[in-house]
PDB file of N, CA and C in Angstrom:
ATOM      1  N   MET A   1       0.856  -1.167  -0.014  1.00  0.00           N
ATOM      2  CA  MET A   1       0.007   0.036   0.023  1.00  0.00           C
ATOM      3  C   MET A   1       0.884   1.218   0.036  1.00  0.00           C
ATOM      4  N   THR A   2       0.420   2.339  -0.624  1.00  0.00           N
ATOM      5  CA  THR A   2       1.132   3.580  -0.629  1.00  0.00           C
ATOM      6  C   THR A   2       0.361   4.666  -0.052  1.00  0.00           C
ATOM      7  N   THR A   3       0.989   5.700   0.252  1.00  0.00           N
ATOM      8  CA  THR A   3       0.307   6.890   0.819  1.00  0.00           C
ATOM      9  C   THR A   3      -0.269   7.721  -0.298  1.00  0.00           C
ATOM     10  N   SER A   4      -1.498   8.191  -0.100  1.00  0.00           N
ATOM     11  CA  SER A   4      -2.156   8.953  -1.159  1.00  0.00           C
ATOM     12  C   SER A   4      -1.679  10.365  -1.246  1.00  0.00           C
ATOM     13  N   LYS A   5      -1.857  10.956  -2.404  1.00  0.00           N
ATOM     14  CA  LYS A   5      -1.476  12.397  -2.537  1.00  0.00           C
ATOM     15  C   LYS A   5      -2.349  13.261  -1.673  1.00  0.00           C
ATOM     16  N   GLU A   6      -3.651  12.859  -1.452  1.00  0.00           N
ATOM     17  CA  GLU A   6      -4.499  13.602  -0.652  1.00  0.00           C
ATOM     18  C   GLU A   6      -4.061  13.657   0.801  1.00  0.00           C
ATOM     19  N   THR A   7      -3.593  12.549   1.310  1.00  0.00           N
ATOM     20  CA  THR A   7      -3.002  12.569   2.678  1.00  0.00           C
ATOM     21  C   THR A   7      -1.838  13.475   2.838  1.00  0.00           C
ATOM     22  N   MET A   8      -0.977  13.488   1.879  1.00  0.00           N
ATOM     23  CA  MET A   8       0.216  14.362   1.928  1.00  0.00           C
ATOM     24  C   MET A   8      -0.182  15.815   1.714  1.00  0.00           C
ATOM     25  N   THR A   9      -1.134  16.088   0.818  1.00  0.00           N
ATOM     26  CA  THR A   9      -1.579  17.480   0.740  1.00  0.00           C
ATOM     27  C   THR A   9      -2.217  17.944   2.010  1.00  0.00           C
ATOM     28  N   PHE A  10      -3.003  17.140   2.684  1.00  0.00           N
ATOM     29  CA  PHE A  10      -3.632  17.619   3.942  1.00  0.00           C
ATOM     30  C   PHE A  10      -2.586  17.806   4.995  1.00  0.00           C
ATOM     31  N   LEU A  11      -1.682  16.865   5.168  1.00  0.00           N
ATOM     32  CA  LEU A  11      -0.583  17.010   6.182  1.00  0.00           C
ATOM     33  C   LEU A  11       0.268  18.255   5.999  1.00  0.00           C
ATOM     34  N   LEU A  12       0.684  18.394   4.718  1.00  0.00           N
ATOM     35  CA  LEU A  12       1.601  19.551   4.355  1.00  0.00           C
ATOM     36  C   LEU A  12       0.876  20.869   4.668  1.00  0.00           C
ATOM     37  N   ASP A  13      -0.467  20.890   4.357  1.00  0.00           N
ATOM     38  CA  ASP A  13      -1.277  22.115   4.660  1.00  0.00           C
ATOM     39  C   ASP A  13      -1.210  22.300   6.129  1.00  0.00           C
ATOM     40  N   GLN A  14      -1.467  21.230   6.915  1.00  0.00           N
ATOM     41  CA  GLN A  14      -1.563  21.382   8.329  1.00  0.00           C
ATOM     42  C   GLN A  14      -0.209  21.839   8.923  1.00  0.00           C
ATOM     43  N   LEU A  15       0.879  21.464   8.271  1.00  0.00           N
ATOM     44  CA  LEU A  15       2.218  21.760   8.796  1.00  0.00           C
ATOM     45  C   LEU A  15       2.933  22.904   8.084  1.00  0.00           C
ATOM     46  N   SER A  16       2.151  23.686   7.370  1.00  0.00           N
ATOM     47  CA  SER A  16       2.648  24.787   6.534  1.00  0.00           C
ATOM     48  C   SER A  16       3.415  25.869   7.416  1.00  0.00           C
ATOM     49  N   GLY A  17       3.140  25.930   8.659  1.00  0.00           N
ATOM     50  CA  GLY A  17       3.835  26.833   9.535  1.00  0.00           C
ATOM     51  C   GLY A  17       5.111  26.389  10.113  1.00  0.00           C
ATOM     52  N   VAL A  18       5.505  25.205   9.880  1.00  0.00           N
ATOM     53  CA  VAL A  18       6.787  24.602  10.396  1.00  0.00           C
ATOM     54  C   VAL A  18       7.905  24.911   9.484  1.00  0.00           C
ATOM     55  N   SER A  19       8.852  25.707  10.025  1.00  0.00           N
ATOM     56  CA  SER A  19       9.990  26.183   9.257  1.00  0.00           C
ATOM     57  C   SER A  19      10.861  24.962   8.814  1.00  0.00           C
ATOM     58  N   ASN A  20      11.441  25.082   7.636  1.00  0.00           N
ATOM     59  CA  ASN A  20      12.374  24.158   7.105  1.00  0.00           C
ATOM     60  C   ASN A  20      11.914  22.626   7.044  1.00  0.00           C
ATOM     61  N   LEU A  21      10.565  22.542   6.904  1.00  0.00           N
ATOM     62  CA  LEU A  21      10.014  21.177   6.725  1.00  0.00           C
ATOM     63  C   LEU A  21      10.007  20.828   5.227  1.00  0.00           C
ATOM     64  N   THR A  22      10.487  19.622   4.892  1.00  0.00           N
ATOM     65  CA  THR A  22      10.495  19.099   3.595  1.00  0.00           C
ATOM     66  C   THR A  22      10.158  17.663   3.612  1.00  0.00           C
ATOM     67  N   THR A  23       9.702  17.156   2.472  1.00  0.00           N
ATOM     68  CA  THR A  23       9.419  15.681   2.355  1.00  0.00           C
ATOM     69  C   THR A  23      10.107  15.227   1.090  1.00  0.00           C
ATOM     70  N   LYS A  24      10.307  13.938   1.141  1.00  0.00           N
ATOM     71  CA  LYS A  24      10.848  13.255  -0.105  1.00  0.00           C
ATOM     72  C   LYS A  24      10.084  11.930  -0.308  1.00  0.00           C
ATOM     73  N   ARG A  25       9.628  11.786  -1.511  1.00  0.00           N
ATOM     74  CA  ARG A  25       8.929  10.511  -1.784  1.00  0.00           C
ATOM     75  C   ARG A  25       9.946   9.408  -2.014  1.00  0.00           C
ATOM     76  N   MET A  26       9.644   8.268  -1.303  1.00  0.00           N
ATOM     77  CA  MET A  26      10.523   7.148  -1.381  1.00  0.00           C
ATOM     78  C   MET A  26       9.687   5.880  -1.400  1.00  0.00           C
ATOM     79  N   PHE A  27       9.729   5.113  -2.564  1.00  0.00           N
ATOM     80  CA  PHE A  27       9.036   3.854  -2.687  1.00  0.00           C
ATOM     81  C   PHE A  27       7.535   3.953  -2.411  1.00  0.00           C
ATOM     82  N   GLY A  28       6.939   5.042  -2.855  1.00  0.00           N
ATOM     83  CA  GLY A  28       5.499   5.309  -2.711  1.00  0.00           C
ATOM     84  C   GLY A  28       5.068   5.859  -1.325  1.00  0.00           C
ATOM     85  N   GLU A  29       6.099   6.014  -0.467  1.00  0.00           N
ATOM     86  CA  GLU A  29       5.904   6.608   0.831  1.00  0.00           C
ATOM     87  C   GLU A  29       6.649   7.922   0.922  1.00  0.00           C
ATOM     88  N   TYR A  30       6.657   8.519   2.116  1.00  0.00           N
ATOM     89  CA  TYR A  30       7.309   9.803   2.248  1.00  0.00           C
ATOM     90  C   TYR A  30       8.117   9.861   3.613  1.00  0.00           C
ATOM     91  N   CYS A  31       9.264  10.497   3.386  1.00  0.00           N
ATOM     92  CA  CYS A  31      10.095  10.782   4.566  1.00  0.00           C
ATOM     93  C   CYS A  31       9.955  12.295   4.854  1.00  0.00           C
ATOM     94  N   ILE A  32       9.835  12.657   6.179  1.00  0.00           N
ATOM     95  CA  ILE A  32       9.691  13.992   6.566  1.00  0.00           C
ATOM     96  C   ILE A  32      10.972  14.546   7.137  1.00  0.00           C
ATOM     97  N   TYR A  33      11.428  15.676   6.738  1.00  0.00           N
ATOM     98  CA  TYR A  33      12.681  16.254   7.222  1.00  0.00           C
ATOM     99  C   TYR A  33      12.461  17.680   7.798  1.00  0.00           C
ATOM    100  N   ILE A  34      13.219  17.961   8.792  1.00  0.00           N
ATOM    101  CA  ILE A  34      13.348  19.363   9.259  1.00  0.00           C
ATOM    102  C   ILE A  34      14.711  19.685   9.206  1.00  0.00           C
ATOM    103  N   SER A  35      15.065  20.797   8.451  1.00  0.00           N
ATOM    104  CA  SER A  35      16.429  21.267   8.236  1.00  0.00           C
ATOM    105  C   SER A  35      17.328  20.125   7.679  1.00  0.00           C
ATOM    106  N   GLY A  36      16.718  19.285   6.894  1.00  0.00           N
ATOM    107  CA  GLY A  36      17.516  18.170   6.199  1.00  0.00           C
ATOM    108  C   GLY A  36      17.692  17.010   7.099  1.00  0.00           C
ATOM    109  N   ILE A  37      17.130  16.972   8.311  1.00  0.00           N
ATOM    110  CA  ILE A  37      17.256  15.823   9.206  1.00  0.00           C
ATOM    111  C   ILE A  37      15.965  15.050   9.253  1.00  0.00           C
ATOM    112  N   PRO A  38      16.003  13.714   8.986  1.00  0.00           N
ATOM    113  CA  PRO A  38      14.779  12.937   8.950  1.00  0.00           C
ATOM    114  C   PRO A  38      14.164  12.885  10.375  1.00  0.00           C
ATOM    115  N   ILE A  39      12.802  13.181  10.435  1.00  0.00           N
ATOM    116  CA  ILE A  39      12.134  13.126  11.729  1.00  0.00           C
ATOM    117  C   ILE A  39      10.963  12.202  11.738  1.00  0.00           C
ATOM    118  N   GLY A  40      10.648  11.621  10.541  1.00  0.00           N
ATOM    119  CA  GLY A  40       9.497  10.782  10.544  1.00  0.00           C
ATOM    120  C   GLY A  40       9.183  10.307   9.149  1.00  0.00           C
ATOM    121  N   PHE A  41       8.081   9.518   9.020  1.00  0.00           N
ATOM    122  CA  PHE A  41       7.612   8.988   7.780  1.00  0.00           C
ATOM    123  C   PHE A  41       6.075   9.101   7.699  1.00  0.00           C
ATOM    124  N   VAL A  42       5.554   9.170   6.452  1.00  0.00           N
ATOM    125  CA  VAL A  42       4.170   8.915   6.233  1.00  0.00           C
ATOM    126  C   VAL A  42       4.135   7.701   5.340  1.00  0.00           C
ATOM    127  N   SER A  43       3.603   6.596   5.904  1.00  0.00           N
ATOM    128  CA  SER A  43       3.555   5.384   5.192  1.00  0.00           C
ATOM    129  C   SER A  43       2.226   4.683   5.395  1.00  0.00           C
ATOM    130  N   ASP A  44       1.583   4.150   4.334  1.00  0.00           N
ATOM    131  CA  ASP A  44       0.303   3.649   4.374  1.00  0.00           C
ATOM    132  C   ASP A  44      -0.732   4.605   4.934  1.00  0.00           C
ATOM    133  N   ASP A  45      -0.557   5.896   4.555  1.00  0.00           N
ATOM    134  CA  ASP A  45      -1.428   6.981   5.069  1.00  0.00           C
ATOM    135  C   ASP A  45      -1.437   7.146   6.542  1.00  0.00           C
ATOM    136  N   GLN A  46      -0.372   6.782   7.154  1.00  0.00           N
ATOM    137  CA  GLN A  46      -0.178   6.907   8.637  1.00  0.00           C
ATOM    138  C   GLN A  46       1.071   7.693   8.932  1.00  0.00           C
ATOM    139  N   LEU A  47       0.969   8.581   9.955  1.00  0.00           N
ATOM    140  CA  LEU A  47       2.149   9.466  10.342  1.00  0.00           C
ATOM    141  C   LEU A  47       2.923   8.694  11.390  1.00  0.00           C
ATOM    142  N   HIS A  48       4.188   8.521  11.225  1.00  0.00           N
ATOM    143  CA  HIS A  48       5.158   7.872  12.188  1.00  0.00           C
ATOM    144  C   HIS A  48       6.197   8.887  12.448  1.00  0.00           C
ATOM    145  N   LEU A  49       6.416   9.300  13.682  1.00  0.00           N
ATOM    146  CA  LEU A  49       7.429  10.262  14.072  1.00  0.00           C
ATOM    147  C   LEU A  49       8.500   9.702  14.937  1.00  0.00           C
ATOM    148  N   LYS A  50       9.711  10.157  14.738  1.00  0.00           N
ATOM    149  CA  LYS A  50      10.836   9.715  15.502  1.00  0.00           C
ATOM    150  C   LYS A  50      10.495   9.786  17.027  1.00  0.00           C
ATOM    151  N   MET A  51      10.908   8.744  17.713  1.00  0.00           N
ATOM    152  CA  MET A  51      10.689   8.718  19.115  1.00  0.00           C
ATOM    153  C   MET A  51      11.625   9.581  19.864  1.00  0.00           C
ATOM    154  N   THR A  52      11.091  10.640  20.438  1.00  0.00           N
ATOM    155  CA  THR A  52      11.945  11.588  21.225  1.00  0.00           C
ATOM    156  C   THR A  52      11.225  11.817  22.564  1.00  0.00           C
ATOM    157  N   ASN A  53      11.959  12.303  23.574  1.00  0.00           N
ATOM    158  CA  ASN A  53      11.340  12.607  24.880  1.00  0.00           C
ATOM    159  C   ASN A  53      10.269  13.607  24.735  1.00  0.00           C
ATOM    160  N   ALA A  54      10.571  14.740  23.940  1.00  0.00           N
ATOM    161  CA  ALA A  54       9.557  15.765  23.743  1.00  0.00           C
ATOM    162  C   ALA A  54       8.299  15.170  23.062  1.00  0.00           C
ATOM    163  N   GLY A  55       8.530  14.387  22.047  1.00  0.00           N
ATOM    164  CA  GLY A  55       7.371  13.818  21.361  1.00  0.00           C
ATOM    165  C   GLY A  55       6.551  12.947  22.233  1.00  0.00           C
ATOM    166  N   ARG A  56       7.197  12.148  23.088  1.00  0.00           N
ATOM    167  CA  ARG A  56       6.538  11.214  24.008  1.00  0.00           C
ATOM    168  C   ARG A  56       5.703  12.012  25.076  1.00  0.00           C
ATOM    169  N   ARG A  57       6.284  13.141  25.511  1.00  0.00           N
ATOM    170  CA  ARG A  57       5.584  13.940  26.462  1.00  0.00           C
ATOM    171  C   ARG A  57       4.298  14.611  25.840  1.00  0.00           C
ATOM    172  N   MET A  58       4.447  15.018  24.603  1.00  0.00           N
ATOM    173  CA  MET A  58       3.328  15.644  23.921  1.00  0.00           C
ATOM    174  C   MET A  58       2.201  14.662  23.531  1.00  0.00           C
ATOM    175  N   ALA A  59       2.646  13.410  23.246  1.00  0.00           N
ATOM    176  CA  ALA A  59       1.656  12.441  22.818  1.00  0.00           C
ATOM    177  C   ALA A  59       1.813  11.121  23.661  1.00  0.00           C
ATOM    178  N   PRO A  60       1.570  11.258  24.963  1.00  0.00           N
ATOM    179  CA  PRO A  60       1.798  10.118  25.899  1.00  0.00           C
ATOM    180  C   PRO A  60       1.014   8.862  25.565  1.00  0.00           C
ATOM    181  N   ASP A  61      -0.117   9.043  24.906  1.00  0.00           N
ATOM    182  CA  ASP A  61      -0.937   7.905  24.617  1.00  0.00           C
ATOM    183  C   ASP A  61      -0.780   7.315  23.224  1.00  0.00           C
ATOM    184  N   ALA A  62       0.207   7.910  22.494  1.00  0.00           N
ATOM    185  CA  ALA A  62       0.404   7.420  21.143  1.00  0.00           C
ATOM    186  C   ALA A  62       0.952   6.050  21.139  1.00  0.00           C
ATOM    187  N   GLU A  63       0.498   5.190  20.235  1.00  0.00           N
ATOM    188  CA  GLU A  63       0.996   3.820  20.203  1.00  0.00           C
ATOM    189  C   GLU A  63       2.366   3.915  19.470  1.00  0.00           C
ATOM    190  N   GLU A  64       3.087   2.794  19.548  1.00  0.00           N
ATOM    191  CA  GLU A  64       4.336   2.664  18.806  1.00  0.00           C
ATOM    192  C   GLU A  64       3.950   2.048  17.467  1.00  0.00           C
ATOM    193  N   GLY A  65       4.551   2.520  16.383  1.00  0.00           N
ATOM    194  CA  GLY A  65       4.328   1.933  15.100  1.00  0.00           C
ATOM    195  C   GLY A  65       5.605   1.811  14.340  1.00  0.00           C
ATOM    196  N   PHE A  66       5.588   1.128  13.290  1.00  0.00           N
ATOM    197  CA  PHE A  66       6.803   0.819  12.468  1.00  0.00           C
ATOM    198  C   PHE A  66       6.503   1.225  11.037  1.00  0.00           C
ATOM    199  N   PRO A  67       7.126   2.282  10.592  1.00  0.00           N
ATOM    200  CA  PRO A  67       6.792   2.827   9.196  1.00  0.00           C
ATOM    201  C   PRO A  67       7.207   1.847   8.039  1.00  0.00           C
ATOM    202  N   TYR A  68       8.114   0.951   8.293  1.00  0.00           N
ATOM    203  CA  TYR A  68       8.567  -0.038   7.352  1.00  0.00           C
ATOM    204  C   TYR A  68       9.175  -1.236   8.070  1.00  0.00           C
ATOM    205  N   PRO A  69       9.247  -2.414   7.460  1.00  0.00           N
ATOM    206  CA  PRO A  69       9.805  -3.557   8.087  1.00  0.00           C
ATOM    207  C   PRO A  69      11.226  -3.326   8.638  1.00  0.00           C
ATOM    208  N   ASP A  70      11.500  -3.858   9.783  1.00  0.00           N
ATOM    209  CA  ASP A  70      12.758  -3.702  10.499  1.00  0.00           C
ATOM    210  C   ASP A  70      13.098  -2.336  10.946  1.00  0.00           C
ATOM    211  N   ALA A  71      12.138  -1.341  10.960  1.00  0.00           N
ATOM    212  CA  ALA A  71      12.342  -0.008  11.446  1.00  0.00           C
ATOM    213  C   ALA A  71      12.335  -0.022  13.039  1.00  0.00           C
ATOM    214  N   LYS A  72      12.978   0.973  13.549  1.00  0.00           N
ATOM    215  CA  LYS A  72      12.896   1.192  14.974  1.00  0.00           C
ATOM    216  C   LYS A  72      11.490   1.677  15.276  1.00  0.00           C
ATOM    217  N   PRO A  73      10.964   1.526  16.490  1.00  0.00           N
ATOM    218  CA  PRO A  73       9.688   2.055  16.809  1.00  0.00           C
ATOM    219  C   PRO A  73       9.617   3.571  16.652  1.00  0.00           C
ATOM    220  N   HIS A  74       8.455   4.009  16.208  1.00  0.00           N
ATOM    221  CA  HIS A  74       8.144   5.406  15.991  1.00  0.00           C
ATOM    222  C   HIS A  74       6.798   5.702  16.698  1.00  0.00           C
ATOM    223  N   LEU A  75       6.616   6.962  17.013  1.00  0.00           N
ATOM    224  CA  LEU A  75       5.260   7.406  17.565  1.00  0.00           C
ATOM    225  C   LEU A  75       4.268   7.312  16.350  1.00  0.00           C
ATOM    226  N   LEU A  76       3.197   6.601  16.502  1.00  0.00           N
ATOM    227  CA  LEU A  76       2.129   6.536  15.551  1.00  0.00           C
ATOM    228  C   LEU A  76       1.126   7.556  15.928  1.00  0.00           C
ATOM    229  N   ILE A  77       1.024   8.602  15.075  1.00  0.00           N
ATOM    230  CA  ILE A  77       0.096   9.692  15.304  1.00  0.00           C
ATOM    231  C   ILE A  77      -1.051   9.503  14.314  1.00  0.00           C
ATOM    232  N   THR A  78      -2.202   8.998  14.913  1.00  0.00           N
ATOM    233  CA  THR A  78      -3.298   8.651  14.075  1.00  0.00           C
ATOM    234  C   THR A  78      -3.996   9.924  13.509  1.00  0.00           C
ATOM    235  N   ALA A  79      -4.798   9.697  12.422  1.00  0.00           N
ATOM    236  CA  ALA A  79      -5.371  10.787  11.684  1.00  0.00           C
ATOM    237  C   ALA A  79      -6.347  11.600  12.497  1.00  0.00           C
ATOM    238  N   ASP A  80      -6.939  11.067  13.606  1.00  0.00           N
ATOM    239  CA  ASP A  80      -7.845  11.816  14.453  1.00  0.00           C
ATOM    240  C   ASP A  80      -7.149  12.929  15.213  1.00  0.00           C
ATOM    241  N   PHE A  81      -5.845  12.983  15.200  1.00  0.00           N
ATOM    242  CA  PHE A  81      -5.033  14.104  15.869  1.00  0.00           C
ATOM    243  C   PHE A  81      -4.587  15.172  14.812  1.00  0.00           C
ATOM    244  N   TRP A  82      -4.824  14.884  13.538  1.00  0.00           N
ATOM    245  CA  TRP A  82      -4.149  15.755  12.544  1.00  0.00           C
ATOM    246  C   TRP A  82      -4.948  17.043  12.336  1.00  0.00           C
ATOM    247  N   ASP A  83      -6.160  17.124  12.833  1.00  0.00           N
ATOM    248  CA  ASP A  83      -6.937  18.343  12.607  1.00  0.00           C
ATOM    249  C   ASP A  83      -6.405  19.526  13.491  1.00  0.00           C
ATOM    250  N   ASP A  84      -5.786  19.206  14.642  1.00  0.00           N
ATOM    251  CA  ASP A  84      -5.173  20.190  15.537  1.00  0.00           C
ATOM    252  C   ASP A  84      -3.914  20.720  14.978  1.00  0.00           C
ATOM    253  N   ARG A  85      -3.989  21.706  14.079  1.00  0.00           N
ATOM    254  CA  ARG A  85      -2.780  22.184  13.391  1.00  0.00           C
ATOM    255  C   ARG A  85      -1.682  22.691  14.358  1.00  0.00           C
ATOM    256  N   ASP A  86      -2.028  23.396  15.361  1.00  0.00           N
ATOM    257  CA  ASP A  86      -0.971  23.949  16.245  1.00  0.00           C
ATOM    258  C   ASP A  86      -0.381  22.800  17.016  1.00  0.00           C
ATOM    259  N   TRP A  87      -1.130  21.881  17.531  1.00  0.00           N
ATOM    260  CA  TRP A  87      -0.524  20.782  18.344  1.00  0.00           C
ATOM    261  C   TRP A  87       0.308  19.924  17.430  1.00  0.00           C
ATOM    262  N   LEU A  88      -0.100  19.584  16.274  1.00  0.00           N
ATOM    263  CA  LEU A  88       0.668  18.787  15.275  1.00  0.00           C
ATOM    264  C   LEU A  88       1.975  19.458  14.921  1.00  0.00           C
ATOM    265  N   ALA A  89       1.939  20.814  14.656  1.00  0.00           N
ATOM    266  CA  ALA A  89       3.160  21.442  14.325  1.00  0.00           C
ATOM    267  C   ALA A  89       4.112  21.470  15.478  1.00  0.00           C
ATOM    268  N   GLU A  90       3.630  21.639  16.727  1.00  0.00           N
ATOM    269  CA  GLU A  90       4.510  21.612  17.893  1.00  0.00           C
ATOM    270  C   GLU A  90       5.072  20.262  18.147  1.00  0.00           C
ATOM    271  N   LEU A  91       4.232  19.178  17.879  1.00  0.00           N
ATOM    272  CA  LEU A  91       4.755  17.796  18.024  1.00  0.00           C
ATOM    273  C   LEU A  91       5.844  17.587  17.009  1.00  0.00           C
ATOM    274  N   ILE A  92       5.719  17.975  15.797  1.00  0.00           N
ATOM    275  CA  ILE A  92       6.694  17.812  14.724  1.00  0.00           C
ATOM    276  C   ILE A  92       7.964  18.532  15.091  1.00  0.00           C
ATOM    277  N   ARG A  93       7.870  19.720  15.653  1.00  0.00           N
ATOM    278  CA  ARG A  93       9.074  20.430  16.110  1.00  0.00           C
ATOM    279  C   ARG A  93       9.716  19.667  17.274  1.00  0.00           C
ATOM    280  N   GLY A  94       8.925  19.136  18.171  1.00  0.00           N
ATOM    281  CA  GLY A  94       9.474  18.379  19.319  1.00  0.00           C
ATOM    282  C   GLY A  94      10.161  17.127  18.867  1.00  0.00           C
ATOM    283  N   CYS A  95       9.728  16.521  17.855  1.00  0.00           N
ATOM    284  CA  CYS A  95      10.424  15.295  17.327  1.00  0.00           C
ATOM    285  C   CYS A  95      11.687  15.527  16.563  1.00  0.00           C
ATOM    286  N   SER A  96      12.029  16.798  16.309  1.00  0.00           N
ATOM    287  CA  SER A  96      13.187  17.140  15.600  1.00  0.00           C
ATOM    288  C   SER A  96      14.382  17.378  16.535  1.00  0.00           C
ATOM    289  N   HIS A  97      14.182  17.260  17.864  1.00  0.00           N
ATOM    290  CA  HIS A  97      15.279  17.469  18.812  1.00  0.00           C
ATOM    291  C   HIS A  97      15.764  16.213  19.400  1.00  0.00           C
TER     292      HIS A  97
END
């Protein structure tokens, strides 16, 4: 399964206020970067963010997910949290440290 363009369009709109955020399409999925540093993935229309202390504090109930086989655990941020633009942007910034 691959991530839809609609999912990426929505997420990028929600994250438009995050400085230096870029994405790169890889094998039908996307890697998310801040200032050139990978901080997460969008795979199978799901957002997986690098596991950081700040990210864990902001999303204490987030499940662990794996964006691809043999990946380290990531925070799985389900789509029901994507509507809160400010929280999502702050979480993304927190996962970049």
